Amino acid sequence: MLSRVADSLFWMSRYLERAECIARLLDVSLQAEMDLAGLVPEDYSPPWQATLAVLQQVAPEGSDSSRVAAWLSFDIDNPASILATINRARNNARGIRGRISSEMWRSLNQLYWKLRDPEFVNIAQQSPHDYYTEVQCGARQFQGVCDATLPHDEGWHFLQLGRSLERADKTIRLLDVKYRHLTALTDPALQPLCTLEWAGVLKLSNSYEAYQRIYISRVEAERVIEFLLLDEESPRSVRFCLEAAARALACIDRSNRGDHPAEKALGRVISDLRYAELPAVLAGDFPAFLGGLLARCNQTSKAIQEQYSLVN
């Protein structure tokens, strides 16, 4: 496969996954801010600040939650916004229209123009939830169309690779940001809010219902961490995503047999997660553990980009 095509498929998938993640982060954070209004002390960090931290963004000076949401949603000049991210995904798709199905292009193009429609944007500015729902549904529809209409060959595996690496990255960052914030709250009076925040972590990762199917009880921090980090069946857990990425990478180049730096790096981090014992991990420096995971995920992504010239 031409590196140009592989590059476009890989980044198109990453950008769509990123757009869906931003939409979900903003949707849940704004809802949490309304739910917690009047229940938290003045020095309590508002939920949308965690969203900025996960996305590694610094809001314009003087911004409140509504301005941050607009900046991360509608501002195409902000490269981290939903609209700009989907625009990059669409540009990648447009460059390889002959290598993707017409249904894929139509699905992505319709999503883009819906988000650019002035009437829809005007309504969405008053009711952001509708906008974020449209983004999430559009991204999932695109993934379904890919699976249903595209041959599951090298190109399809590049799509899976991009999506899996992006999802793992954001889950690690979410756990890191929330763990640092919530473990710093030592006031016993704030512990009920911590429980609500950990439930919010599950919602932010689209895992609340899946978690409840396994743990039919109140939300507990250790169980949330274990579920999002180590669960082998949840499609949102770090382990699941990295194992999916490893399978895609193995299918893309069957001749390497695990000898390429990307496969080696991915194999090592997956092995660590498979045999990790959560009590021991939490007893140590958990943020450092997450930082190590993130560094090795970035190392894997860099190695993949170098091997296949994915330089978007």
Protein backbone atom coordinates (compact mmCIF):
# COMPACT_ATOMS: atom_id res chain seq x y z
CA MET A 1 0.00 0.00 0.00
CA LEU A 2 1.24 3.50 -0.83
CA SER A 3 2.42 5.39 2.24
CA ARG A 4 0.22 8.34 1.22
CA VAL A 5 -2.90 6.19 1.40
CA ALA A 6 -1.84 4.54 4.66
CA ASP A 7 -1.08 7.96 6.12
CA SER A 8 -4.52 9.32 5.23
CA LEU A 9 -6.36 6.28 6.58
CA PHE A 10 -4.40 6.25 9.82
CA TRP A 11 -4.87 9.95 10.56
CA MET A 12 -8.45 10.11 9.32
CA SER A 13 -9.32 7.47 11.91
CA ARG A 14 -7.33 9.16 14.68
CA TYR A 15 -8.91 12.55 14.02
CA LEU A 16 -12.44 11.14 14.08
CA GLU A 17 -11.76 9.29 17.32
CA ARG A 18 -10.29 12.50 18.75
CA ALA A 19 -13.33 14.54 17.70
CA GLU A 20 -15.68 12.04 19.35
CA CYS A 21 -13.56 12.14 22.51
CA ILE A 22 -13.59 15.95 22.65
CA ALA A 23 -17.36 16.00 22.17
CA ARG A 24 -17.90 13.50 24.97
CA LEU A 25 -15.49 15.29 27.32
CA LEU A 26 -17.24 18.60 26.79
CA ASP A 27 -20.74 17.15 27.00
CA VAL A 28 -20.13 15.31 30.28
CA SER A 29 -18.09 18.14 31.80
CA LEU A 30 -20.71 20.81 31.13
CA GLN A 31 -23.44 18.56 32.50
CA ALA A 32 -21.35 17.82 35.60
CA GLU A 33 -20.77 21.53 36.16
CA MET A 34 -24.52 22.13 36.19
CA ASP A 35 -25.13 19.16 38.50
CA LEU A 36 -22.46 20.30 40.95
CA ALA A 37 -23.46 23.98 40.97
CA GLY A 38 -23.88 25.14 44.53
CA LEU A 39 -22.61 21.85 45.97
CA VAL A 40 -18.87 22.46 45.85
CA PRO A 41 -16.60 25.03 47.53
CA GLU A 42 -15.37 27.99 45.53
CA ASP A 43 -11.83 26.61 45.23
CA TYR A 44 -13.04 23.30 43.76
CA SER A 45 -11.67 22.80 40.24
CA PRO A 46 -14.53 22.93 37.69
CA PRO A 47 -14.90 19.81 35.49
CA TRP A 48 -14.07 21.61 32.24
CA GLN A 49 -10.54 22.32 33.49
CA ALA A 50 -9.89 18.58 33.48
CA THR A 51 -11.05 18.49 29.86
CA LEU A 52 -8.44 21.08 28.94
CA ALA A 53 -5.78 19.08 30.79
CA VAL A 54 -6.69 15.83 29.00
CA LEU A 55 -6.54 17.62 25.65
CA GLN A 56 -3.33 19.45 26.63
CA GLN A 57 -4.88 22.81 25.83
CA VAL A 58 -4.74 26.21 27.51
CA ALA A 59 -7.93 28.23 27.17
CA PRO A 60 -7.85 31.88 26.10
CA GLU A 61 -7.38 34.18 29.06
CA GLY A 62 -10.54 35.03 30.95
CA SER A 63 -12.54 32.11 29.55
CA ASP A 64 -15.37 30.49 31.48
CA SER A 65 -16.95 27.11 30.76
CA SER A 66 -19.21 28.36 27.96
CA ARG A 67 -16.37 30.15 26.17
CA VAL A 68 -14.07 27.13 26.52
CA ALA A 69 -16.82 24.91 25.10
CA ALA A 70 -17.34 27.23 22.13
CA TRP A 71 -13.59 27.49 21.53
CA LEU A 72 -13.20 23.71 21.55
CA SER A 73 -16.36 23.12 19.50
CA PHE A 74 -16.94 25.69 16.76
CA ASP A 75 -13.64 27.55 16.29
CA ILE A 76 -12.09 26.15 13.11
CA ASP A 77 -9.03 28.35 13.69
CA ASN A 78 -8.34 26.38 16.88
CA PRO A 79 -6.59 23.19 15.66
CA ALA A 80 -7.79 21.38 18.80
CA SER A 81 -11.48 22.09 18.18
CA ILE A 82 -14.03 19.51 17.09
CA LEU A 83 -14.71 21.30 13.83
CA ALA A 84 -11.03 21.65 12.92
CA THR A 85 -10.37 18.01 13.81
CA ILE A 86 -13.23 16.73 11.66
CA ASN A 87 -12.12 19.04 8.87
CA ARG A 88 -8.68 17.38 8.93
CA ALA A 89 -10.31 13.93 8.87
CA ARG A 90 -12.41 15.01 5.88
CA ASN A 91 -9.37 16.41 4.06
CA ASN A 92 -7.60 13.09 4.50
CA ALA A 93 -10.65 11.22 3.19
CA ARG A 94 -11.00 13.56 0.21
CA GLY A 95 -7.42 12.85 -0.85
CA ILE A 96 -8.05 9.09 -1.08
CA ARG A 97 -11.68 8.94 -2.23
CA GLY A 98 -10.75 6.21 -4.68
CA ARG A 99 -9.51 3.98 -1.85
CA ILE A 100 -12.49 4.28 0.48
CA SER A 101 -16.13 3.41 -0.13
CA SER A 102 -18.56 6.04 -1.36
CA GLU A 103 -20.63 5.42 1.78
CA MET A 104 -17.64 6.32 3.96
CA TRP A 105 -17.09 9.59 2.12
CA ARG A 106 -20.80 10.43 2.19
CA SER A 107 -21.04 9.74 5.94
CA LEU A 108 -18.04 11.92 6.81
CA ASN A 109 -18.96 14.68 4.38
CA GLN A 110 -22.52 14.89 5.72
CA LEU A 111 -21.23 15.14 9.28
CA TYR A 112 -18.86 17.96 8.33
CA TRP A 113 -21.50 20.02 6.54
CA LYS A 114 -24.04 19.43 9.31
CA LEU A 115 -21.58 20.91 11.78
CA ARG A 116 -20.98 23.87 9.44
CA ASP A 117 -24.69 24.57 8.91
CA PRO A 118 -25.35 28.07 10.37
CA GLU A 119 -28.84 27.19 11.57
CA PHE A 120 -27.63 24.05 13.35
CA VAL A 121 -24.68 25.90 14.88
CA ASN A 122 -26.96 28.66 16.14
CA ILE A 123 -29.17 26.09 17.85
CA ALA A 124 -26.14 24.19 19.14
CA GLN A 125 -24.70 27.29 20.76
CA GLN A 126 -27.84 27.46 22.85
CA SER A 127 -27.98 23.69 23.40
CA PRO A 128 -24.45 22.26 23.06
CA HIS A 129 -25.63 18.76 23.94
CA ASP A 130 -27.25 18.42 20.50
CA TYR A 131 -23.98 19.35 18.83
CA TYR A 132 -21.95 16.86 20.86
CA THR A 133 -24.49 14.12 20.25
CA GLU A 134 -24.31 14.74 16.51
CA VAL A 135 -20.51 14.46 16.58
CA GLN A 136 -20.50 11.24 18.58
CA CYS A 137 -23.23 9.61 16.52
CA GLY A 138 -21.58 10.72 13.28
CA ALA A 139 -18.19 9.30 14.28
CA ARG A 140 -19.72 5.98 15.34
CA GLN A 141 -21.76 5.80 12.16
CA PHE A 142 -18.59 6.31 10.14
CA GLN A 143 -16.86 3.48 12.00
CA GLY A 144 -19.82 1.20 11.31
CA VAL A 145 -19.84 2.13 7.64
CA CYS A 146 -16.11 1.38 7.43
CA ASP A 147 -16.60 -2.07 8.91
CA ALA A 148 -19.58 -2.83 6.69
CA THR A 149 -18.33 -1.53 3.33
CA LEU A 150 -14.52 -1.61 3.30
CA PRO A 151 -12.58 -4.82 2.66
CA HIS A 152 -10.80 -5.84 5.86
CA ASP A 153 -7.41 -5.56 4.23
CA GLU A 154 -4.36 -3.41 4.99
CA GLY A 155 -6.33 -0.19 4.64
CA TRP A 156 -8.95 -1.29 7.14
CA HIS A 157 -6.25 -2.31 9.60
CA PHE A 158 -4.66 1.15 9.35
CA LEU A 159 -8.03 2.58 10.36
CA GLN A 160 -8.18 0.27 13.38
CA LEU A 161 -4.60 1.10 14.30
CA GLY A 162 -5.20 4.84 14.32
CA ARG A 163 -8.42 4.60 16.29
CA SER A 164 -7.00 2.21 18.89
CA LEU A 165 -3.87 4.25 19.57
CA GLU A 166 -5.85 7.49 19.87
CA ARG A 167 -8.36 5.92 22.26
CA ALA A 168 -5.64 4.43 24.46
CA ASP A 169 -3.85 7.77 24.59
CA LYS A 170 -6.94 9.66 25.74
CA THR A 171 -7.91 7.06 28.34
CA ILE A 172 -4.44 7.18 29.90
CA ARG A 173 -4.50 10.98 29.99
CA LEU A 174 -7.99 10.99 31.51
CA LEU A 175 -6.97 8.60 34.29
CA ASP A 176 -3.83 10.61 34.99
CA VAL A 177 -5.61 13.97 35.22
CA LYS A 178 -8.48 12.70 37.34
CA TYR A 179 -6.29 10.63 39.67
CA ARG A 180 -4.01 13.58 40.42
CA HIS A 181 -6.98 15.85 41.05
CA LEU A 182 -9.07 13.51 43.17
CA THR A 183 -6.28 12.11 45.34
CA ALA A 184 -5.37 15.69 46.25
CA LEU A 185 -8.79 16.13 47.88
CA THR A 186 -8.20 15.03 51.46
CA ASP A 187 -11.17 16.77 53.09
CA PRO A 188 -13.58 13.99 54.21
CA ALA A 189 -16.51 16.27 53.41
CA LEU A 190 -15.53 16.11 49.73
CA GLN A 191 -15.45 12.31 49.49
CA PRO A 192 -19.04 12.01 48.18
CA LEU A 193 -18.05 14.41 45.41
CA CYS A 194 -15.05 12.23 44.64
CA THR A 195 -17.38 9.29 44.11
CA LEU A 196 -19.45 11.39 41.71
CA GLU A 197 -16.29 12.42 39.89
CA TRP A 198 -15.15 8.81 39.46
CA ALA A 199 -18.57 8.02 38.03
CA GLY A 200 -17.94 10.97 35.72
CA VAL A 201 -14.66 9.39 34.63
CA LEU A 202 -16.61 6.36 33.46
CA LYS A 203 -19.03 8.58 31.57
CA LEU A 204 -16.18 10.57 30.06
CA SER A 205 -14.78 7.31 28.68
CA ASN A 206 -18.20 6.03 27.59
CA SER A 207 -17.88 3.12 30.02
CA TYR A 208 -20.43 3.74 32.77
CA GLU A 209 -23.00 1.15 31.69
CA ALA A 210 -20.34 -1.45 30.89
CA TYR A 211 -18.82 -0.93 34.35
CA GLN A 212 -22.19 -1.33 36.04
CA ARG A 213 -22.75 -4.67 34.32
CA ILE A 214 -19.67 -6.03 36.08
CA TYR A 215 -19.68 -4.10 39.37
CA ILE A 216 -23.29 -3.88 40.48
CA SER A 217 -22.50 -1.55 43.35
CA ARG A 218 -21.45 1.98 44.05
CA VAL A 219 -18.57 3.41 42.07
CA GLU A 220 -15.15 2.89 43.67
CA ALA A 221 -11.93 4.49 42.49
CA GLU A 222 -9.85 1.30 42.43
CA ARG A 223 -12.44 -0.57 40.40
CA VAL A 224 -12.80 2.29 37.93
CA ILE A 225 -9.04 2.38 37.43
CA GLU A 226 -8.84 -1.38 37.00
CA PHE A 227 -11.72 -1.37 34.52
CA LEU A 228 -10.35 1.43 32.34
CA LEU A 229 -6.76 0.28 32.51
CA LEU A 230 -6.66 -3.52 32.66
CA ASP A 231 -9.99 -4.95 31.50
CA GLU A 232 -9.49 -7.29 28.55
CA GLU A 233 -13.03 -7.07 27.19
CA SER A 234 -14.06 -3.41 27.48
CA PRO A 235 -13.42 -1.63 24.14
CA ARG A 236 -12.47 1.53 26.06
CA SER A 237 -9.81 0.06 28.33
CA VAL A 238 -6.15 0.78 27.64
CA ARG A 239 -5.27 -2.91 27.50
CA PHE A 240 -8.06 -3.70 25.03
CA CYS A 241 -7.09 -0.79 22.75
CA LEU A 242 -3.40 -1.65 22.70
CA GLU A 243 -4.10 -5.32 22.03
CA ALA A 244 -6.36 -4.25 19.14
CA ALA A 245 -3.55 -2.03 17.84
CA ALA A 246 -1.10 -4.92 18.07
CA ARG A 247 -3.42 -7.19 16.07
CA ALA A 248 -3.85 -4.52 13.40
CA LEU A 249 -0.11 -3.94 13.20
CA ALA A 250 0.57 -7.66 12.86
CA CYS A 251 -1.96 -7.92 10.01
CA ILE A 252 -0.50 -4.94 8.17
CA ASP A 253 2.95 -6.45 7.90
CA ARG A 254 2.98 -10.19 8.46
CA SER A 255 6.64 -10.44 7.42
CA ASN A 256 8.06 -8.63 10.48
CA ARG A 257 7.14 -11.38 12.94
CA GLY A 258 7.46 -9.01 15.85
CA ASP A 259 10.92 -7.73 14.88
CA HIS A 260 9.97 -4.12 14.20
CA PRO A 261 10.50 -1.52 16.98
CA ALA A 262 6.80 -0.61 16.97
CA GLU A 263 5.73 -4.20 17.55
CA LYS A 264 8.36 -4.70 20.23
CA ALA A 265 7.36 -1.54 22.09
CA LEU A 266 3.68 -2.44 21.85
CA GLY A 267 4.35 -5.99 22.99
CA ARG A 268 6.23 -4.83 26.08
CA VAL A 269 3.55 -2.42 27.23
CA ILE A 270 0.80 -4.99 26.64
CA SER A 271 2.74 -7.57 28.64
CA ASP A 272 3.05 -5.10 31.53
CA LEU A 273 -0.71 -4.52 31.50
CA ARG A 274 -1.59 -8.21 31.24
CA TYR A 275 0.43 -9.11 34.31
CA ALA A 276 -0.04 -5.92 36.31
CA GLU A 277 -1.46 -6.27 39.82
CA LEU A 278 -3.45 -3.16 40.60
CA PRO A 279 -2.79 -3.03 44.38
CA ALA A 280 0.95 -3.05 43.71
CA VAL A 281 0.60 -0.43 40.97
CA LEU A 282 -1.46 1.89 43.19
CA ALA A 283 0.87 1.36 46.13
CA GLY A 284 3.68 2.83 44.06
CA ASP A 285 3.79 6.04 42.06
CA PHE A 286 0.67 5.62 39.95
CA PRO A 287 1.07 8.88 37.97
CA ALA A 288 4.60 7.76 37.09
CA PHE A 289 3.23 4.40 35.97
CA LEU A 290 0.70 6.14 33.71
CA GLY A 291 3.40 8.46 32.43
CA GLY A 292 5.49 5.44 31.49
CA LEU A 293 2.55 3.90 29.65
CA LEU A 294 1.94 7.12 27.76
CA ALA A 295 5.61 7.47 26.84
CA ARG A 296 5.71 3.96 25.42
CA CYS A 297 2.46 4.50 23.52
CA ASN A 298 4.01 7.62 22.00
CA GLN A 299 7.15 5.62 21.21
CA THR A 300 5.02 3.02 19.45
CA SER A 301 3.14 5.68 17.47
CA LYS A 302 6.40 7.34 16.44
CA ALA A 303 7.88 4.02 15.32
CA ILE A 304 4.77 3.26 13.26
CA GLN A 305 4.90 6.66 11.63
CA GLU A 306 8.58 6.22 10.77
CA GLN A 307 8.07 2.72 9.36
CA TYR A 308 5.14 3.65 7.16
CA SER A 309 5.95 7.35 6.55
CA LEU A 310 2.79 8.52 8.36
CA VAL A 311 3.64 12.21 8.64
CA ASN A 312 0.22 13.93 8.52
